[in-house]
């Protein structure tokens, strides 16, 4: 919805463990025996720090199948009637009680869709944009979302084509991010936020006092988002940037400013993202 001054609220969402909890498996292989084990994303958060250390996971390693379910099945390998893993996982999740699969930002996604705010997804997954859209459509078809999002953009930053997009025409600052950050996925997500903000202003005008907000429940991701939003605030001082921290179910909304930005007035209630 556009306000009288022409300004719009834009919503950015991560997907896993923020919008929804999905049982997408991560595969690990025993380097000595060839045994494969599938773990959930929640389990993997702990297990990955145990690989190579004495104990149950000492001999397990990453291999070509590790993140296979976070990527698309090649079209030529899809069986008749088979859906992409992402769509399968969403439909499987919908068979469970809502409190099992609804992640902390779910109400925000519902609201953004119902009000037709421009929505973007930024995820570490490697699916195509079409696959992400198909998965979200399954939520609409099931009646869990009132309507499909008013999409601004989608970046699944492990998808080869989207990586190519993100690495094209980088600013010097963004090139330094890729070169210096140990976690390339985080660097790509940060660049994706930059590009989507630029796209929003190109599409909807750079004069109104637009608002941008992104939610996440992971403290490391929150730090990444704060940095990306701060980058954008420095570039567009008249726009407003928010980070919604849903860690442990706490919905804390933070407004981001550069360290030397003079915050001298109270915000009117209708200026915040909504």
C-alpha atoms as a PDB file:
ATOM      1  CA  UNK A   1       0.000   0.000   0.000  1.00  0.00           C
ATOM      2  CA  UNK A   2       1.253   3.495  -0.849  1.00  0.00           C
ATOM      3  CA  UNK A   3       0.782   6.270   1.719  1.00  0.00           C
ATOM      4  CA  UNK A   4      -0.268   9.827   0.894  1.00  0.00           C
ATOM      5  CA  UNK A   5       3.364  10.921   0.586  1.00  0.00           C
ATOM      6  CA  UNK A   6       3.985   8.120  -1.925  1.00  0.00           C
ATOM      7  CA  UNK A   7       6.111   6.109   0.495  1.00  0.00           C
ATOM      8  CA  UNK A   8       6.000   2.318   0.714  1.00  0.00           C
ATOM      9  CA  UNK A   9       7.064  -0.290   3.288  1.00  0.00           C
ATOM     10  CA  UNK A  10       9.218  -3.063   1.806  1.00  0.00           C
ATOM     11  CA  UNK A  11       9.588  -6.424   3.567  1.00  0.00           C
ATOM     12  CA  UNK A  12      12.605  -8.726   3.228  1.00  0.00           C
ATOM     13  CA  UNK A  13      12.470 -12.297   4.573  1.00  0.00           C
ATOM     14  CA  UNK A  14      14.881 -15.151   5.087  1.00  0.00           C
ATOM     15  CA  UNK A  15      13.002 -18.437   4.774  1.00  0.00           C
ATOM     16  CA  UNK A  16      14.403 -21.291   6.878  1.00  0.00           C
ATOM     17  CA  UNK A  17      13.764 -21.008  10.619  1.00  0.00           C
ATOM     18  CA  UNK A  18      12.507 -17.456  10.104  1.00  0.00           C
ATOM     19  CA  UNK A  19       9.397 -17.757   7.914  1.00  0.00           C
ATOM     20  CA  UNK A  20       8.987 -21.541   8.217  1.00  0.00           C
ATOM     21  CA  UNK A  21      10.591 -24.550   9.858  1.00  0.00           C
ATOM     22  CA  UNK A  22      11.199 -27.181   7.178  1.00  0.00           C
ATOM     23  CA  UNK A  23      12.575 -30.709   7.496  1.00  0.00           C
ATOM     24  CA  UNK A  24      15.015 -30.343   4.600  1.00  0.00           C
ATOM     25  CA  UNK A  25      17.821 -32.863   5.310  1.00  0.00           C
ATOM     26  CA  UNK A  26      21.552 -32.174   5.290  1.00  0.00           C
ATOM     27  CA  UNK A  27      23.603 -35.247   4.304  1.00  0.00           C
ATOM     28  CA  UNK A  28      26.990 -36.226   5.732  1.00  0.00           C
ATOM     29  CA  UNK A  29      29.201 -39.166   4.765  1.00  0.00           C
ATOM     30  CA  UNK A  30      31.561 -41.312   6.811  1.00  0.00           C
ATOM     31  CA  UNK A  31      34.889 -41.025   4.974  1.00  0.00           C
ATOM     32  CA  UNK A  32      35.984 -44.497   6.132  1.00  0.00           C
ATOM     33  CA  UNK A  33      32.841 -46.590   5.717  1.00  0.00           C
ATOM     34  CA  UNK A  34      30.864 -44.604   3.143  1.00  0.00           C
ATOM     35  CA  UNK A  35      27.876 -44.528   5.528  1.00  0.00           C
ATOM     36  CA  UNK A  36      25.491 -41.634   4.875  1.00  0.00           C
ATOM     37  CA  UNK A  37      23.549 -39.827   7.577  1.00  0.00           C
ATOM     38  CA  UNK A  38      20.805 -37.248   7.169  1.00  0.00           C
ATOM     39  CA  UNK A  39      20.409 -34.586   9.853  1.00  0.00           C
ATOM     40  CA  UNK A  40      17.973 -31.713  10.216  1.00  0.00           C
ATOM     41  CA  UNK A  41      19.116 -28.117   9.832  1.00  0.00           C
ATOM     42  CA  UNK A  42      18.694 -27.720  13.607  1.00  0.00           C
ATOM     43  CA  UNK A  43      20.906 -30.769  14.291  1.00  0.00           C
ATOM     44  CA  UNK A  44      23.410 -29.668  11.678  1.00  0.00           C
ATOM     45  CA  UNK A  45      23.999 -26.392  13.513  1.00  0.00           C
ATOM     46  CA  UNK A  46      25.625 -28.483  16.275  1.00  0.00           C
ATOM     47  CA  UNK A  47      27.005 -31.370  14.236  1.00  0.00           C
ATOM     48  CA  UNK A  48      29.036 -29.214  11.840  1.00  0.00           C
ATOM     49  CA  UNK A  49      31.277 -28.127  14.714  1.00  0.00           C
ATOM     50  CA  UNK A  50      31.941 -31.767  15.630  1.00  0.00           C
ATOM     51  CA  UNK A  51      33.147 -32.957  12.218  1.00  0.00           C
ATOM     52  CA  UNK A  52      36.732 -34.193  12.427  1.00  0.00           C
ATOM     53  CA  UNK A  53      36.779 -34.099  16.240  1.00  0.00           C
ATOM     54  CA  UNK A  54      36.946 -37.219  18.454  1.00  0.00           C
ATOM     55  CA  UNK A  55      33.492 -38.657  18.944  1.00  0.00           C
ATOM     56  CA  UNK A  56      30.470 -39.753  16.929  1.00  0.00           C
ATOM     57  CA  UNK A  57      31.146 -37.383  14.006  1.00  0.00           C
ATOM     58  CA  UNK A  58      34.927 -37.670  13.802  1.00  0.00           C
ATOM     59  CA  UNK A  59      34.965 -39.504  10.453  1.00  0.00           C
ATOM     60  CA  UNK A  60      32.058 -37.684   8.809  1.00  0.00           C
ATOM     61  CA  UNK A  61      32.562 -35.135   6.063  1.00  0.00           C
ATOM     62  CA  UNK A  62      30.809 -32.953   3.527  1.00  0.00           C
ATOM     63  CA  UNK A  63      30.377 -34.417   0.045  1.00  0.00           C
ATOM     64  CA  UNK A  64      28.548 -33.695  -3.198  1.00  0.00           C
ATOM     65  CA  UNK A  65      25.159 -34.704  -1.752  1.00  0.00           C
ATOM     66  CA  UNK A  66      25.415 -32.649   1.464  1.00  0.00           C
ATOM     67  CA  UNK A  67      23.196 -29.756   0.362  1.00  0.00           C
ATOM     68  CA  UNK A  68      21.473 -31.501  -2.535  1.00  0.00           C
ATOM     69  CA  UNK A  69      17.965 -30.973  -1.104  1.00  0.00           C
ATOM     70  CA  UNK A  70      18.655 -27.250  -0.815  1.00  0.00           C
ATOM     71  CA  UNK A  71      19.162 -27.129  -4.571  1.00  0.00           C
ATOM     72  CA  UNK A  72      16.850 -27.817  -7.514  1.00  0.00           C
ATOM     73  CA  UNK A  73      16.610 -31.187  -9.209  1.00  0.00           C
ATOM     74  CA  UNK A  74      17.767 -30.663 -12.785  1.00  0.00           C
ATOM     75  CA  UNK A  75      14.726 -30.577 -15.122  1.00  0.00           C
ATOM     76  CA  UNK A  76      15.975 -33.605 -17.054  1.00  0.00           C
ATOM     77  CA  UNK A  77      16.125 -35.606 -13.807  1.00  0.00           C
ATOM     78  CA  UNK A  78      12.623 -34.770 -12.588  1.00  0.00           C
ATOM     79  CA  UNK A  79      10.333 -37.786 -12.722  1.00  0.00           C
ATOM     80  CA  UNK A  80       6.805 -37.306 -14.107  1.00  0.00           C
ATOM     81  CA  UNK A  81       4.757 -35.532 -11.445  1.00  0.00           C
ATOM     82  CA  UNK A  82       7.755 -34.991  -9.183  1.00  0.00           C
ATOM     83  CA  UNK A  83       8.064 -31.582  -7.500  1.00  0.00           C
ATOM     84  CA  UNK A  84      11.200 -29.786  -6.409  1.00  0.00           C
ATOM     85  CA  UNK A  85      12.438 -30.579  -2.894  1.00  0.00           C
ATOM     86  CA  UNK A  86      11.505 -27.114  -1.599  1.00  0.00           C
ATOM     87  CA  UNK A  87       7.884 -27.550  -2.679  1.00  0.00           C
ATOM     88  CA  UNK A  88       7.799 -31.098  -1.293  1.00  0.00           C
ATOM     89  CA  UNK A  89       9.133 -29.915   2.061  1.00  0.00           C
ATOM     90  CA  UNK A  90       6.557 -27.134   2.347  1.00  0.00           C
ATOM     91  CA  UNK A  91       3.676 -29.490   1.582  1.00  0.00           C
ATOM     92  CA  UNK A  92       5.063 -32.001   4.083  1.00  0.00           C
ATOM     93  CA  UNK A  93       5.299 -29.274   6.734  1.00  0.00           C
ATOM     94  CA  UNK A  94       1.650 -28.335   6.155  1.00  0.00           C
ATOM     95  CA  UNK A  95       0.625 -31.837   7.257  1.00  0.00           C
ATOM     96  CA  UNK A  96       1.822 -30.961  10.762  1.00  0.00           C
ATOM     97  CA  UNK A  97       0.203 -28.651  13.342  1.00  0.00           C
ATOM     98  CA  UNK A  98       0.793 -24.976  12.610  1.00  0.00           C
ATOM     99  CA  UNK A  99       2.845 -24.433  15.747  1.00  0.00           C
ATOM    100  CA  UNK A 100       5.383 -26.945  14.407  1.00  0.00           C
ATOM    101  CA  UNK A 101       6.140 -25.213  11.098  1.00  0.00           C
ATOM    102  CA  UNK A 102       5.309 -21.560  11.697  1.00  0.00           C
ATOM    103  CA  UNK A 103       8.581 -19.742  12.431  1.00  0.00           C
ATOM    104  CA  UNK A 104       8.819 -16.406  14.319  1.00  0.00           C
ATOM    105  CA  UNK A 105       8.408 -14.140  11.268  1.00  0.00           C
ATOM    106  CA  UNK A 106       5.377 -16.008   9.920  1.00  0.00           C
ATOM    107  CA  UNK A 107       2.863 -13.352  11.148  1.00  0.00           C
ATOM    108  CA  UNK A 108       4.931 -10.663   9.399  1.00  0.00           C
ATOM    109  CA  UNK A 109       4.833 -12.622   6.139  1.00  0.00           C
ATOM    110  CA  UNK A 110       1.085 -13.091   6.467  1.00  0.00           C
ATOM    111  CA  UNK A 111       0.647  -9.364   7.065  1.00  0.00           C
ATOM    112  CA  UNK A 112       2.906  -8.344   4.174  1.00  0.00           C
ATOM    113  CA  UNK A 113       1.014 -10.617   1.786  1.00  0.00           C
ATOM    114  CA  UNK A 114      -2.433  -9.571   3.000  1.00  0.00           C
ATOM    115  CA  UNK A 115      -1.544  -5.878   2.662  1.00  0.00           C
ATOM    116  CA  UNK A 116       0.347  -6.508  -0.607  1.00  0.00           C
ATOM    117  CA  UNK A 117       3.502  -4.830   0.613  1.00  0.00           C
ATOM    118  CA  UNK A 118       6.433  -5.493  -1.745  1.00  0.00           C
ATOM    119  CA  UNK A 119       8.159  -8.664  -0.523  1.00  0.00           C
ATOM    120  CA  UNK A 120      11.626 -10.081  -1.180  1.00  0.00           C
ATOM    121  CA  UNK A 121      13.109 -13.383  -0.077  1.00  0.00           C
ATOM    122  CA  UNK A 122      16.845 -13.625   0.596  1.00  0.00           C
ATOM    123  CA  UNK A 123      17.939 -17.165   1.420  1.00  0.00           C
ATOM    124  CA  UNK A 124      21.107 -19.255   1.488  1.00  0.00           C
ATOM    125  CA  UNK A 125      19.288 -21.948  -0.511  1.00  0.00           C
ATOM    126  CA  UNK A 126      20.157 -22.625  -4.139  1.00  0.00           C
ATOM    127  CA  UNK A 127      16.696 -22.907  -5.722  1.00  0.00           C
ATOM    128  CA  UNK A 128      15.523 -20.986  -8.758  1.00  0.00           C
ATOM    129  CA  UNK A 129      13.144 -18.057  -8.347  1.00  0.00           C
ATOM    130  CA  UNK A 130      10.407 -20.168  -9.928  1.00  0.00           C
ATOM    131  CA  UNK A 131      10.875 -22.920  -7.328  1.00  0.00           C
ATOM    132  CA  UNK A 132      10.648 -20.419  -4.448  1.00  0.00           C
ATOM    133  CA  UNK A 133       7.462 -19.017  -5.984  1.00  0.00           C
ATOM    134  CA  UNK A 134       5.994 -22.521  -6.374  1.00  0.00           C
ATOM    135  CA  UNK A 135       6.701 -23.254  -2.729  1.00  0.00           C
ATOM    136  CA  UNK A 136       5.035 -20.046  -1.564  1.00  0.00           C
ATOM    137  CA  UNK A 137       2.075 -20.718  -3.888  1.00  0.00           C
ATOM    138  CA  UNK A 138       1.573 -24.011  -2.047  1.00  0.00           C
ATOM    139  CA  UNK A 139       0.996 -21.931   1.106  1.00  0.00           C
ATOM    140  CA  UNK A 140      -1.601 -19.846  -0.724  1.00  0.00           C
ATOM    141  CA  UNK A 141      -3.311 -22.931  -2.148  1.00  0.00           C
ATOM    142  CA  UNK A 142      -3.494 -24.387   1.367  1.00  0.00           C
ATOM    143  CA  UNK A 143      -5.134 -21.200   2.666  1.00  0.00           C
ATOM    144  CA  UNK A 144      -2.226 -20.292   4.944  1.00  0.00           C
ATOM    145  CA  UNK A 145      -1.549 -17.047   3.075  1.00  0.00           C
ATOM    146  CA  UNK A 146      -4.367 -14.825   1.816  1.00  0.00           C
ATOM    147  CA  UNK A 147      -2.664 -14.310  -1.525  1.00  0.00           C
ATOM    148  CA  UNK A 148       0.700 -14.592  -3.206  1.00  0.00           C
ATOM    149  CA  UNK A 149       3.254 -11.968  -2.232  1.00  0.00           C
ATOM    150  CA  UNK A 150       3.671  -8.784  -4.169  1.00  0.00           C
ATOM    151  CA  UNK A 151       7.158  -9.891  -5.192  1.00  0.00           C
ATOM    152  CA  UNK A 152       9.915  -7.335  -5.507  1.00  0.00           C
ATOM    153  CA  UNK A 153      12.701  -9.910  -5.907  1.00  0.00           C
ATOM    154  CA  UNK A 154      14.102 -13.244  -4.761  1.00  0.00           C
ATOM    155  CA  UNK A 155      17.735 -14.080  -4.149  1.00  0.00           C
ATOM    156  CA  UNK A 156      18.701 -17.659  -3.310  1.00  0.00           C
ATOM    157  CA  UNK A 157      22.389 -16.930  -2.974  1.00  0.00           C
ATOM    158  CA  UNK A 158      23.634 -20.487  -3.629  1.00  0.00           C
ATOM    159  CA  UNK A 159      21.937 -20.618  -7.031  1.00  0.00           C
ATOM    160  CA  UNK A 160      24.654 -20.292  -9.731  1.00  0.00           C
ATOM    161  CA  UNK A 161      22.641 -17.908 -11.868  1.00  0.00           C
ATOM    162  CA  UNK A 162      21.838 -15.627  -8.954  1.00  0.00           C
ATOM    163  CA  UNK A 163      25.447 -15.683  -7.764  1.00  0.00           C
ATOM    164  CA  UNK A 164      26.396 -14.494 -11.248  1.00  0.00           C
ATOM    165  CA  UNK A 165      23.826 -11.678 -10.971  1.00  0.00           C
ATOM    166  CA  UNK A 166      25.141 -10.611  -7.583  1.00  0.00           C
ATOM    167  CA  UNK A 167      28.762 -10.607  -8.683  1.00  0.00           C
ATOM    168  CA  UNK A 168      28.030  -8.507 -11.764  1.00  0.00           C
ATOM    169  CA  UNK A 169      28.863  -4.794 -11.674  1.00  0.00           C
ATOM    170  CA  UNK A 170      29.947  -4.757  -8.035  1.00  0.00           C
ATOM    171  CA  UNK A 171      30.922  -1.530  -6.360  1.00  0.00           C
ATOM    172  CA  UNK A 172      34.436  -1.345  -4.925  1.00  0.00           C
ATOM    173  CA  UNK A 173      32.972  -1.801  -1.443  1.00  0.00           C
ATOM    174  CA  UNK A 174      31.031  -4.903  -2.495  1.00  0.00           C
ATOM    175  CA  UNK A 175      34.106  -6.366  -4.209  1.00  0.00           C
ATOM    176  CA  UNK A 176      35.985  -5.940  -0.943  1.00  0.00           C
ATOM    177  CA  UNK A 177      33.168  -7.742   0.892  1.00  0.00           C
ATOM    178  CA  UNK A 178      33.504 -10.805  -1.332  1.00  0.00           C
ATOM    179  CA  UNK A 179      37.283 -10.772  -1.101  1.00  0.00           C
ATOM    180  CA  UNK A 180      37.577 -10.257   2.649  1.00  0.00           C
ATOM    181  CA  UNK A 181      34.612 -12.107   4.190  1.00  0.00           C
ATOM    182  CA  UNK A 182      35.311 -15.696   5.180  1.00  0.00           C
ATOM    183  CA  UNK A 183      31.625 -16.552   4.843  1.00  0.00           C
ATOM    184  CA  UNK A 184      30.856 -15.997   1.157  1.00  0.00           C
ATOM    185  CA  UNK A 185      27.163 -16.726   1.685  1.00  0.00           C
ATOM    186  CA  UNK A 186      26.898 -13.857   4.181  1.00  0.00           C
ATOM    187  CA  UNK A 187      28.693 -11.529   1.775  1.00  0.00           C
ATOM    188  CA  UNK A 188      26.297 -12.477  -1.036  1.00  0.00           C
ATOM    189  CA  UNK A 189      23.262 -11.911   1.214  1.00  0.00           C
ATOM    190  CA  UNK A 190      24.571  -8.479   2.129  1.00  0.00           C
ATOM    191  CA  UNK A 191      25.048  -7.602  -1.529  1.00  0.00           C
ATOM    192  CA  UNK A 192      21.546  -8.936  -2.299  1.00  0.00           C
ATOM    193  CA  UNK A 193      20.073  -6.492   0.234  1.00  0.00           C
ATOM    194  CA  UNK A 194      21.964  -3.646  -1.457  1.00  0.00           C
ATOM    195  CA  UNK A 195      20.666  -4.631  -4.891  1.00  0.00           C
ATOM    196  CA  UNK A 196      17.055  -5.069  -3.799  1.00  0.00           C
ATOM    197  CA  UNK A 197      16.990  -1.659  -2.102  1.00  0.00           C
ATOM    198  CA  UNK A 198      18.388  -0.112  -5.290  1.00  0.00           C
ATOM    199  CA  UNK A 199      15.780  -1.969  -7.349  1.00  0.00           C
ATOM    200  CA  UNK A 200      12.950  -0.804  -5.083  1.00  0.00           C
ATOM    201  CA  UNK A 201      13.943   2.831  -5.483  1.00  0.00           C
ATOM    202  CA  UNK A 202      14.358   2.492  -9.249  1.00  0.00           C
ATOM    203  CA  UNK A 203      10.901   0.928  -9.514  1.00  0.00           C
ATOM    204  CA  UNK A 204       8.970   3.011  -6.990  1.00  0.00           C
ATOM    205  CA  UNK A 205      10.865   6.300  -7.032  1.00  0.00           C
ATOM    206  CA  UNK A 206      13.714   7.587  -4.937  1.00  0.00           C
ATOM    207  CA  UNK A 207      11.977  10.670  -3.553  1.00  0.00           C
ATOM    208  CA  UNK A 208       9.383   9.314  -1.069  1.00  0.00           C
ATOM    209  CA  UNK A 209      10.539   8.364   2.440  1.00  0.00           C
ATOM    210  CA  UNK A 210      10.308   4.614   1.803  1.00  0.00           C
ATOM    211  CA  UNK A 211      10.875   2.108   4.633  1.00  0.00           C
ATOM    212  CA  UNK A 212      12.724  -1.211   4.459  1.00  0.00           C
ATOM    213  CA  UNK A 213      12.610  -3.990   7.027  1.00  0.00           C
ATOM    214  CA  UNK A 214      14.084  -7.475   7.284  1.00  0.00           C
ATOM    215  CA  UNK A 215      13.448 -10.090   9.955  1.00  0.00           C
ATOM    216  CA  UNK A 216      15.628 -12.926  11.220  1.00  0.00           C
ATOM    217  CA  UNK A 217      15.999 -15.024  14.360  1.00  0.00           C
ATOM    218  CA  UNK A 218      19.686 -15.929  14.036  1.00  0.00           C
ATOM    219  CA  UNK A 219      22.018 -13.522  15.912  1.00  0.00           C
ATOM    220  CA  UNK A 220      24.736 -13.917  13.249  1.00  0.00           C
ATOM    221  CA  UNK A 221      22.251 -13.104  10.494  1.00  0.00           C
ATOM    222  CA  UNK A 222      20.957 -10.127  12.473  1.00  0.00           C
ATOM    223  CA  UNK A 223      24.501  -8.760  12.562  1.00  0.00           C
ATOM    224  CA  UNK A 224      24.764  -9.253   8.790  1.00  0.00           C
ATOM    225  CA  UNK A 225      21.432  -7.518   8.165  1.00  0.00           C
ATOM    226  CA  UNK A 226      22.304  -4.587  10.428  1.00  0.00           C
ATOM    227  CA  UNK A 227      25.526  -4.052   8.469  1.00  0.00           C
ATOM    228  CA  UNK A 228      23.718  -4.275   5.125  1.00  0.00           C
ATOM    229  CA  UNK A 229      20.988  -1.878   6.246  1.00  0.00           C
ATOM    230  CA  UNK A 230      23.623   0.516   7.569  1.00  0.00           C
ATOM    231  CA  UNK A 231      25.319   0.408   4.151  1.00  0.00           C
ATOM    232  CA  UNK A 232      21.996   1.350   2.567  1.00  0.00           C
ATOM    233  CA  UNK A 233      21.253   4.088   5.108  1.00  0.00           C
ATOM    234  CA  UNK A 234      24.596   5.740   4.344  1.00  0.00           C
ATOM    235  CA  UNK A 235      23.671   5.713   0.658  1.00  0.00           C
ATOM    236  CA  UNK A 236      20.055   6.831   1.156  1.00  0.00           C
ATOM    237  CA  UNK A 237      19.999   9.042   4.252  1.00  0.00           C
ATOM    238  CA  UNK A 238      16.350  10.040   3.780  1.00  0.00           C
ATOM    239  CA  UNK A 239      15.056   6.449   3.783  1.00  0.00           C
ATOM    240  CA  UNK A 240      14.372   4.349   6.900  1.00  0.00           C
ATOM    241  CA  UNK A 241      15.791   0.900   7.565  1.00  0.00           C
ATOM    242  CA  UNK A 242      14.612  -1.572  10.192  1.00  0.00           C
ATOM    243  CA  UNK A 243      15.813  -4.937  11.463  1.00  0.00           C
ATOM    244  CA  UNK A 244      13.241  -7.148  13.179  1.00  0.00           C
ATOM    245  CA  UNK A 245      14.935  -9.540  15.600  1.00  0.00           C
ATOM    246  CA  UNK A 246      12.743 -12.593  16.294  1.00  0.00           C
ATOM    247  CA  UNK A 247      15.378 -14.499  18.317  1.00  0.00           C
ATOM    248  CA  UNK A 248      13.665 -16.733  20.918  1.00  0.00           C
ATOM    249  CA  UNK A 249      10.309 -15.349  19.858  1.00  0.00           C
ATOM    250  CA  UNK A 250      11.193 -11.767  20.809  1.00  0.00           C
ATOM    251  CA  UNK A 251       9.892  -9.372  18.175  1.00  0.00           C
ATOM    252  CA  UNK A 252      12.329  -6.480  18.625  1.00  0.00           C
ATOM    253  CA  UNK A 253      12.316  -3.839  15.898  1.00  0.00           C
ATOM    254  CA  UNK A 254      15.514  -1.836  15.565  1.00  0.00           C
ATOM    255  CA  UNK A 255      16.016   1.180  13.356  1.00  0.00           C
ATOM    256  CA  UNK A 256      19.467   1.385  11.773  1.00  0.00           C
ATOM    257  CA  UNK A 257      21.565   4.553  11.561  1.00  0.00           C
ATOM    258  CA  UNK A 258      25.217   5.195  10.717  1.00  0.00           C
ATOM    259  CA  UNK A 259      27.268   5.896  13.843  1.00  0.00           C
ATOM    260  CA  UNK A 260      27.548   9.622  13.059  1.00  0.00           C
ATOM    261  CA  UNK A 261      23.910  10.125  12.013  1.00  0.00           C
ATOM    262  CA  UNK A 262      22.123  12.688  14.240  1.00  0.00           C
ATOM    263  CA  UNK A 263      18.961  11.040  15.578  1.00  0.00           C
ATOM    264  CA  UNK A 264      17.222  14.113  16.890  1.00  0.00           C
ATOM    265  CA  UNK A 265      13.495  13.601  16.568  1.00  0.00           C
ATOM    266  CA  UNK A 266      10.858  11.086  17.511  1.00  0.00           C
ATOM    267  CA  UNK A 267       9.288   9.074  14.700  1.00  0.00           C
ATOM    268  CA  UNK A 268       5.621   9.577  14.011  1.00  0.00           C
ATOM    269  CA  UNK A 269       3.661   6.363  14.494  1.00  0.00           C
ATOM    270  CA  UNK A 270       2.689   6.149  10.820  1.00  0.00           C
ATOM    271  CA  UNK A 271       6.300   6.456   9.630  1.00  0.00           C
ATOM    272  CA  UNK A 272       7.454   3.054  10.878  1.00  0.00           C
ATOM    273  CA  UNK A 273       7.360  -0.003   8.667  1.00  0.00           C
ATOM    274  CA  UNK A 274       3.869  -1.416   8.456  1.00  0.00           C
END
